[in-house]
């Protein structure tokens, strides 16, 4: 099992009963309640910043094991259903806890990175990934540098290549699509924010915030 040591280490943070459930799911997914397994993984991902970045590896292993064992996709279906629910209530999560919101974004992007269908990223996750990134470009998030810095830098550390791909698409959108002046300005700001190591110079900070407030 690829990276099994790392997966086992992360599982040790759970209680013994949950550890047993996850270990069994990794090896014999057909013998456990996969809806419960997906719920446990999502809930822990929203609480644990480190786990939210590693959970994709565990989910990938379970998906692969289930596919080989039964050629099924019960776990993936339940995982996406739970993610859909969390995504729909993301604003409530953000208002309740920036930490949970950061973990949710990291988890969604991590799942997008790891889980593929016929070696192609899951279409169902493309829009949520982009909406999360564009949410970070809204005025209230831009004014909260800690929020944007934490999400951006964590995703960068998690997978630089994926972040590069996402920002290439964002740059293409900025150059090619018919955006409003405000959306173009906000998109340019997030592009420059990343280029500056997830921070802005004092002059850039004043420029963007004065323009957004107009």
C-alpha atoms as a PDB file:
ATOM      1  CA  UNK A   1       0.000   0.000   0.000  1.00  0.00           C
ATOM      2  CA  UNK A   2       1.563   3.274  -1.127  1.00  0.00           C
ATOM      3  CA  UNK A   3       2.445   5.654   1.714  1.00  0.00           C
ATOM      4  CA  UNK A   4       0.775   3.261   4.170  1.00  0.00           C
ATOM      5  CA  UNK A   5       3.037   4.362   7.024  1.00  0.00           C
ATOM      6  CA  UNK A   6       1.859   7.918   6.661  1.00  0.00           C
ATOM      7  CA  UNK A   7      -1.788   6.838   6.517  1.00  0.00           C
ATOM      8  CA  UNK A   8      -1.414   4.642   9.584  1.00  0.00           C
ATOM      9  CA  UNK A   9       0.220   7.505  11.466  1.00  0.00           C
ATOM     10  CA  UNK A  10      -2.652   9.856  10.715  1.00  0.00           C
ATOM     11  CA  UNK A  11      -5.180   7.240  11.771  1.00  0.00           C
ATOM     12  CA  UNK A  12      -3.568   7.051  15.211  1.00  0.00           C
ATOM     13  CA  UNK A  13      -5.211  10.375  16.111  1.00  0.00           C
ATOM     14  CA  UNK A  14      -8.609   8.624  16.206  1.00  0.00           C
ATOM     15  CA  UNK A  15     -10.060   6.565  19.048  1.00  0.00           C
ATOM     16  CA  UNK A  16      -9.387   2.818  18.893  1.00  0.00           C
ATOM     17  CA  UNK A  17     -12.794   1.904  17.477  1.00  0.00           C
ATOM     18  CA  UNK A  18     -12.477   4.443  14.659  1.00  0.00           C
ATOM     19  CA  UNK A  19      -8.895   3.354  13.973  1.00  0.00           C
ATOM     20  CA  UNK A  20     -10.149  -0.199  13.519  1.00  0.00           C
ATOM     21  CA  UNK A  21     -12.914   1.003  11.180  1.00  0.00           C
ATOM     22  CA  UNK A  22     -10.504   2.951   8.978  1.00  0.00           C
ATOM     23  CA  UNK A  23      -7.837   0.248   8.922  1.00  0.00           C
ATOM     24  CA  UNK A  24     -10.462  -2.251   7.799  1.00  0.00           C
ATOM     25  CA  UNK A  25     -11.769   0.156   5.153  1.00  0.00           C
ATOM     26  CA  UNK A  26      -8.255   0.541   3.759  1.00  0.00           C
ATOM     27  CA  UNK A  27      -7.860  -3.219   3.325  1.00  0.00           C
ATOM     28  CA  UNK A  28     -11.371  -4.671   3.091  1.00  0.00           C
ATOM     29  CA  UNK A  29     -13.841  -1.850   2.282  1.00  0.00           C
ATOM     30  CA  UNK A  30     -16.656  -4.249   1.467  1.00  0.00           C
ATOM     31  CA  UNK A  31     -16.887  -5.349   5.096  1.00  0.00           C
ATOM     32  CA  UNK A  32     -17.571  -1.923   6.662  1.00  0.00           C
ATOM     33  CA  UNK A  33     -20.147   0.865   6.496  1.00  0.00           C
ATOM     34  CA  UNK A  34     -18.538   3.118   3.866  1.00  0.00           C
ATOM     35  CA  UNK A  35     -21.002   5.942   4.497  1.00  0.00           C
ATOM     36  CA  UNK A  36     -19.804   6.043   8.087  1.00  0.00           C
ATOM     37  CA  UNK A  37     -16.180   5.912   6.933  1.00  0.00           C
ATOM     38  CA  UNK A  38     -16.636   8.895   4.599  1.00  0.00           C
ATOM     39  CA  UNK A  39     -18.349  10.830   7.383  1.00  0.00           C
ATOM     40  CA  UNK A  40     -15.507  10.161   9.809  1.00  0.00           C
ATOM     41  CA  UNK A  41     -12.904  11.313   7.290  1.00  0.00           C
ATOM     42  CA  UNK A  42     -14.773  14.518   6.396  1.00  0.00           C
ATOM     43  CA  UNK A  43     -15.497  15.426  10.021  1.00  0.00           C
ATOM     44  CA  UNK A  44     -11.881  14.925  11.046  1.00  0.00           C
ATOM     45  CA  UNK A  45     -10.704  16.914   8.029  1.00  0.00           C
ATOM     46  CA  UNK A  46     -12.748  19.916   9.141  1.00  0.00           C
ATOM     47  CA  UNK A  47     -11.187  19.793  12.617  1.00  0.00           C
ATOM     48  CA  UNK A  48      -7.603  18.820  11.870  1.00  0.00           C
ATOM     49  CA  UNK A  49      -5.572  21.060   9.581  1.00  0.00           C
ATOM     50  CA  UNK A  50      -2.865  18.436   9.032  1.00  0.00           C
ATOM     51  CA  UNK A  51      -5.321  15.610   8.415  1.00  0.00           C
ATOM     52  CA  UNK A  52      -7.276  17.714   5.887  1.00  0.00           C
ATOM     53  CA  UNK A  53      -4.162  17.785   3.698  1.00  0.00           C
ATOM     54  CA  UNK A  54      -3.497  14.032   4.019  1.00  0.00           C
ATOM     55  CA  UNK A  55      -7.038  12.670   3.819  1.00  0.00           C
ATOM     56  CA  UNK A  56      -6.977  12.509   0.031  1.00  0.00           C
ATOM     57  CA  UNK A  57      -4.297   9.815   0.231  1.00  0.00           C
ATOM     58  CA  UNK A  58      -6.495   7.702   2.519  1.00  0.00           C
ATOM     59  CA  UNK A  59      -9.573   8.226   0.341  1.00  0.00           C
ATOM     60  CA  UNK A  60      -7.604   7.236  -2.752  1.00  0.00           C
ATOM     61  CA  UNK A  61      -6.484   4.000  -1.087  1.00  0.00           C
ATOM     62  CA  UNK A  62     -10.047   3.102  -0.066  1.00  0.00           C
ATOM     63  CA  UNK A  63     -11.391   3.886  -3.550  1.00  0.00           C
ATOM     64  CA  UNK A  64      -8.724   1.716  -5.146  1.00  0.00           C
ATOM     65  CA  UNK A  65      -9.314  -1.134  -2.694  1.00  0.00           C
ATOM     66  CA  UNK A  66     -13.084  -1.059  -3.259  1.00  0.00           C
ATOM     67  CA  UNK A  67     -12.635  -0.991  -7.025  1.00  0.00           C
ATOM     68  CA  UNK A  68     -10.374  -4.043  -6.942  1.00  0.00           C
ATOM     69  CA  UNK A  69     -12.565  -5.908  -4.460  1.00  0.00           C
ATOM     70  CA  UNK A  70     -16.053  -5.313  -5.876  1.00  0.00           C
ATOM     71  CA  UNK A  71     -15.568  -2.949  -8.816  1.00  0.00           C
ATOM     72  CA  UNK A  72     -17.844  -0.624  -6.852  1.00  0.00           C
ATOM     73  CA  UNK A  73     -17.839   3.077  -6.024  1.00  0.00           C
ATOM     74  CA  UNK A  74     -19.929   3.220  -2.844  1.00  0.00           C
ATOM     75  CA  UNK A  75     -17.257   5.033  -0.854  1.00  0.00           C
ATOM     76  CA  UNK A  76     -16.604   7.628  -3.559  1.00  0.00           C
ATOM     77  CA  UNK A  77     -20.332   8.274  -3.960  1.00  0.00           C
ATOM     78  CA  UNK A  78     -20.843   8.757  -0.221  1.00  0.00           C
ATOM     79  CA  UNK A  79     -17.764  10.948   0.016  1.00  0.00           C
ATOM     80  CA  UNK A  80     -18.983  13.225  -2.779  1.00  0.00           C
ATOM     81  CA  UNK A  81     -22.461  13.408  -1.239  1.00  0.00           C
ATOM     82  CA  UNK A  82     -20.999  14.531   2.086  1.00  0.00           C
ATOM     83  CA  UNK A  83     -18.661  16.986   0.355  1.00  0.00           C
ATOM     84  CA  UNK A  84     -21.604  18.416  -1.548  1.00  0.00           C
ATOM     85  CA  UNK A  85     -23.406  19.051   1.734  1.00  0.00           C
ATOM     86  CA  UNK A  86     -20.356  20.716   3.285  1.00  0.00           C
ATOM     87  CA  UNK A  87     -19.848  22.829   0.177  1.00  0.00           C
ATOM     88  CA  UNK A  88     -23.458  24.047   0.226  1.00  0.00           C
ATOM     89  CA  UNK A  89     -23.065  25.195   3.832  1.00  0.00           C
ATOM     90  CA  UNK A  90     -19.554  26.654   3.357  1.00  0.00           C
ATOM     91  CA  UNK A  91     -20.596  30.223   4.179  1.00  0.00           C
ATOM     92  CA  UNK A  92     -22.053  29.120   7.499  1.00  0.00           C
ATOM     93  CA  UNK A  93     -18.819  27.229   8.153  1.00  0.00           C
ATOM     94  CA  UNK A  94     -16.726  30.296   7.308  1.00  0.00           C
ATOM     95  CA  UNK A  95     -18.786  32.511   9.608  1.00  0.00           C
ATOM     96  CA  UNK A  96     -18.498  29.976  12.404  1.00  0.00           C
ATOM     97  CA  UNK A  97     -14.806  29.244  12.043  1.00  0.00           C
ATOM     98  CA  UNK A  98     -12.139  30.447   9.612  1.00  0.00           C
ATOM     99  CA  UNK A  99     -10.101  27.418  10.696  1.00  0.00           C
ATOM    100  CA  UNK A 100     -12.831  24.996   9.562  1.00  0.00           C
ATOM    101  CA  UNK A 101     -13.232  26.922   6.305  1.00  0.00           C
ATOM    102  CA  UNK A 102      -9.489  26.679   5.635  1.00  0.00           C
ATOM    103  CA  UNK A 103      -9.606  22.942   6.328  1.00  0.00           C
ATOM    104  CA  UNK A 104     -12.624  22.506   4.048  1.00  0.00           C
ATOM    105  CA  UNK A 105     -10.893  24.233   1.135  1.00  0.00           C
ATOM    106  CA  UNK A 106      -7.722  22.214   1.699  1.00  0.00           C
ATOM    107  CA  UNK A 107      -9.727  18.985   1.850  1.00  0.00           C
ATOM    108  CA  UNK A 108     -11.737  19.670  -1.321  1.00  0.00           C
ATOM    109  CA  UNK A 109      -8.580  20.518  -3.270  1.00  0.00           C
ATOM    110  CA  UNK A 110      -6.800  17.483  -1.831  1.00  0.00           C
ATOM    111  CA  UNK A 111      -9.625  15.180  -2.932  1.00  0.00           C
ATOM    112  CA  UNK A 112      -9.622  16.831  -6.368  1.00  0.00           C
ATOM    113  CA  UNK A 113      -5.903  16.113  -6.606  1.00  0.00           C
ATOM    114  CA  UNK A 114      -6.039  12.456  -5.547  1.00  0.00           C
ATOM    115  CA  UNK A 115      -9.325  11.027  -6.793  1.00  0.00           C
ATOM    116  CA  UNK A 116      -9.482  10.461 -10.533  1.00  0.00           C
ATOM    117  CA  UNK A 117     -11.882   8.620 -12.832  1.00  0.00           C
ATOM    118  CA  UNK A 118      -9.989   6.932 -15.658  1.00  0.00           C
ATOM    119  CA  UNK A 119      -6.998   9.133 -14.776  1.00  0.00           C
ATOM    120  CA  UNK A 120      -9.100  12.285 -15.181  1.00  0.00           C
ATOM    121  CA  UNK A 121     -10.030  14.598 -12.274  1.00  0.00           C
ATOM    122  CA  UNK A 122     -13.653  14.325 -11.195  1.00  0.00           C
ATOM    123  CA  UNK A 123     -15.800  16.857 -13.033  1.00  0.00           C
ATOM    124  CA  UNK A 124     -18.039  17.220  -9.973  1.00  0.00           C
ATOM    125  CA  UNK A 125     -15.180  18.858  -8.056  1.00  0.00           C
ATOM    126  CA  UNK A 126     -13.969  21.334 -10.685  1.00  0.00           C
ATOM    127  CA  UNK A 127     -16.594  23.976  -9.941  1.00  0.00           C
ATOM    128  CA  UNK A 128     -16.258  23.719  -6.135  1.00  0.00           C
ATOM    129  CA  UNK A 129     -12.468  24.144  -6.387  1.00  0.00           C
ATOM    130  CA  UNK A 130     -12.823  27.268  -8.506  1.00  0.00           C
ATOM    131  CA  UNK A 131     -15.625  28.669  -6.368  1.00  0.00           C
ATOM    132  CA  UNK A 132     -13.456  28.263  -3.280  1.00  0.00           C
ATOM    133  CA  UNK A 133     -10.628  30.157  -4.957  1.00  0.00           C
ATOM    134  CA  UNK A 134     -12.900  32.905  -6.228  1.00  0.00           C
ATOM    135  CA  UNK A 135     -14.480  33.154  -2.780  1.00  0.00           C
ATOM    136  CA  UNK A 136     -11.031  34.048  -1.510  1.00  0.00           C
ATOM    137  CA  UNK A 137     -10.951  36.903  -4.020  1.00  0.00           C
ATOM    138  CA  UNK A 138     -14.079  38.582  -2.645  1.00  0.00           C
ATOM    139  CA  UNK A 139     -13.622  41.882  -0.771  1.00  0.00           C
ATOM    140  CA  UNK A 140     -14.289  40.532   2.731  1.00  0.00           C
ATOM    141  CA  UNK A 141     -11.745  37.738   2.252  1.00  0.00           C
ATOM    142  CA  UNK A 142      -9.204  40.043   0.626  1.00  0.00           C
ATOM    143  CA  UNK A 143      -9.372  42.307   3.654  1.00  0.00           C
ATOM    144  CA  UNK A 144      -8.608  39.331   5.859  1.00  0.00           C
ATOM    145  CA  UNK A 145      -5.035  38.598   4.798  1.00  0.00           C
ATOM    146  CA  UNK A 146      -4.719  35.842   7.380  1.00  0.00           C
ATOM    147  CA  UNK A 147      -7.534  33.902   5.729  1.00  0.00           C
ATOM    148  CA  UNK A 148      -6.171  34.172   2.187  1.00  0.00           C
ATOM    149  CA  UNK A 149      -2.595  33.573   3.285  1.00  0.00           C
ATOM    150  CA  UNK A 150      -3.482  30.473   5.306  1.00  0.00           C
ATOM    151  CA  UNK A 151      -5.581  28.868   2.579  1.00  0.00           C
ATOM    152  CA  UNK A 152      -3.251  29.794  -0.252  1.00  0.00           C
ATOM    153  CA  UNK A 153      -0.012  28.848   1.427  1.00  0.00           C
ATOM    154  CA  UNK A 154      -1.440  25.547   2.697  1.00  0.00           C
ATOM    155  CA  UNK A 155      -2.635  24.570  -0.762  1.00  0.00           C
ATOM    156  CA  UNK A 156       0.728  25.588  -2.196  1.00  0.00           C
ATOM    157  CA  UNK A 157       2.544  23.345   0.286  1.00  0.00           C
ATOM    158  CA  UNK A 158       0.092  20.517  -0.316  1.00  0.00           C
ATOM    159  CA  UNK A 159       0.619  20.430  -4.072  1.00  0.00           C
ATOM    160  CA  UNK A 160       2.595  23.117  -5.887  1.00  0.00           C
ATOM    161  CA  UNK A 161       1.958  21.519  -9.267  1.00  0.00           C
ATOM    162  CA  UNK A 162      -1.813  21.566  -8.780  1.00  0.00           C
ATOM    163  CA  UNK A 163      -1.654  25.164  -7.605  1.00  0.00           C
ATOM    164  CA  UNK A 164       0.368  26.050 -10.712  1.00  0.00           C
ATOM    165  CA  UNK A 165      -2.276  24.421 -12.911  1.00  0.00           C
ATOM    166  CA  UNK A 166      -5.105  26.242 -11.150  1.00  0.00           C
ATOM    167  CA  UNK A 167      -3.401  29.607 -11.429  1.00  0.00           C
ATOM    168  CA  UNK A 168      -2.667  29.062 -15.122  1.00  0.00           C
ATOM    169  CA  UNK A 169      -6.411  28.631 -15.605  1.00  0.00           C
ATOM    170  CA  UNK A 170      -7.131  31.715 -13.496  1.00  0.00           C
ATOM    171  CA  UNK A 171      -4.669  33.726 -15.578  1.00  0.00           C
ATOM    172  CA  UNK A 172      -6.305  32.447 -18.759  1.00  0.00           C
ATOM    173  CA  UNK A 173      -9.667  33.497 -17.371  1.00  0.00           C
ATOM    174  CA  UNK A 174      -8.323  36.953 -16.606  1.00  0.00           C
ATOM    175  CA  UNK A 175      -6.940  37.351 -20.134  1.00  0.00           C
ATOM    176  CA  UNK A 176      -9.591  35.647 -22.231  1.00  0.00           C
ATOM    177  CA  UNK A 177     -12.989  35.863 -20.575  1.00  0.00           C
ATOM    178  CA  UNK A 178     -15.432  38.737 -20.424  1.00  0.00           C
ATOM    179  CA  UNK A 179     -15.194  39.720 -16.764  1.00  0.00           C
ATOM    180  CA  UNK A 180     -16.582  42.764 -15.014  1.00  0.00           C
ATOM    181  CA  UNK A 181     -14.060  45.395 -13.969  1.00  0.00           C
ATOM    182  CA  UNK A 182     -14.465  44.465 -10.308  1.00  0.00           C
ATOM    183  CA  UNK A 183     -14.035  40.741 -10.912  1.00  0.00           C
ATOM    184  CA  UNK A 184     -11.003  41.420 -13.084  1.00  0.00           C
ATOM    185  CA  UNK A 185      -9.499  43.577 -10.347  1.00  0.00           C
ATOM    186  CA  UNK A 186     -10.155  40.946  -7.670  1.00  0.00           C
ATOM    187  CA  UNK A 187      -8.730  38.202  -9.858  1.00  0.00           C
ATOM    188  CA  UNK A 188      -5.610  40.265 -10.563  1.00  0.00           C
ATOM    189  CA  UNK A 189      -5.210  40.822  -6.824  1.00  0.00           C
ATOM    190  CA  UNK A 190      -5.240  37.112  -5.992  1.00  0.00           C
ATOM    191  CA  UNK A 191      -2.775  36.418  -8.819  1.00  0.00           C
ATOM    192  CA  UNK A 192      -0.430  39.080  -7.473  1.00  0.00           C
ATOM    193  CA  UNK A 193      -0.965  37.876  -3.912  1.00  0.00           C
ATOM    194  CA  UNK A 194       0.381  34.437  -4.798  1.00  0.00           C
ATOM    195  CA  UNK A 195       3.213  35.847  -6.909  1.00  0.00           C
ATOM    196  CA  UNK A 196       4.308  37.825  -3.847  1.00  0.00           C
ATOM    197  CA  UNK A 197       4.549  34.730  -1.641  1.00  0.00           C
ATOM    198  CA  UNK A 198       0.970  35.115  -0.345  1.00  0.00           C
ATOM    199  CA  UNK A 199       1.449  38.685   0.802  1.00  0.00           C
ATOM    200  CA  UNK A 200       1.111  42.145  -0.702  1.00  0.00           C
ATOM    201  CA  UNK A 201       3.422  45.135  -0.597  1.00  0.00           C
ATOM    202  CA  UNK A 202       2.106  48.182   1.253  1.00  0.00           C
ATOM    203  CA  UNK A 203       1.579  50.067  -2.007  1.00  0.00           C
ATOM    204  CA  UNK A 204      -0.268  47.147  -3.644  1.00  0.00           C
ATOM    205  CA  UNK A 205      -2.396  46.732  -0.513  1.00  0.00           C
ATOM    206  CA  UNK A 206      -3.465  50.382  -0.650  1.00  0.00           C
ATOM    207  CA  UNK A 207      -4.110  50.232  -4.394  1.00  0.00           C
ATOM    208  CA  UNK A 208      -6.357  47.179  -4.377  1.00  0.00           C
ATOM    209  CA  UNK A 209      -8.311  48.096  -1.261  1.00  0.00           C
ATOM    210  CA  UNK A 210      -8.927  51.661  -2.449  1.00  0.00           C
ATOM    211  CA  UNK A 211     -10.128  50.340  -5.832  1.00  0.00           C
ATOM    212  CA  UNK A 212     -12.377  47.683  -4.275  1.00  0.00           C
ATOM    213  CA  UNK A 213     -13.993  50.279  -2.000  1.00  0.00           C
ATOM    214  CA  UNK A 214     -14.965  52.491  -4.935  1.00  0.00           C
END
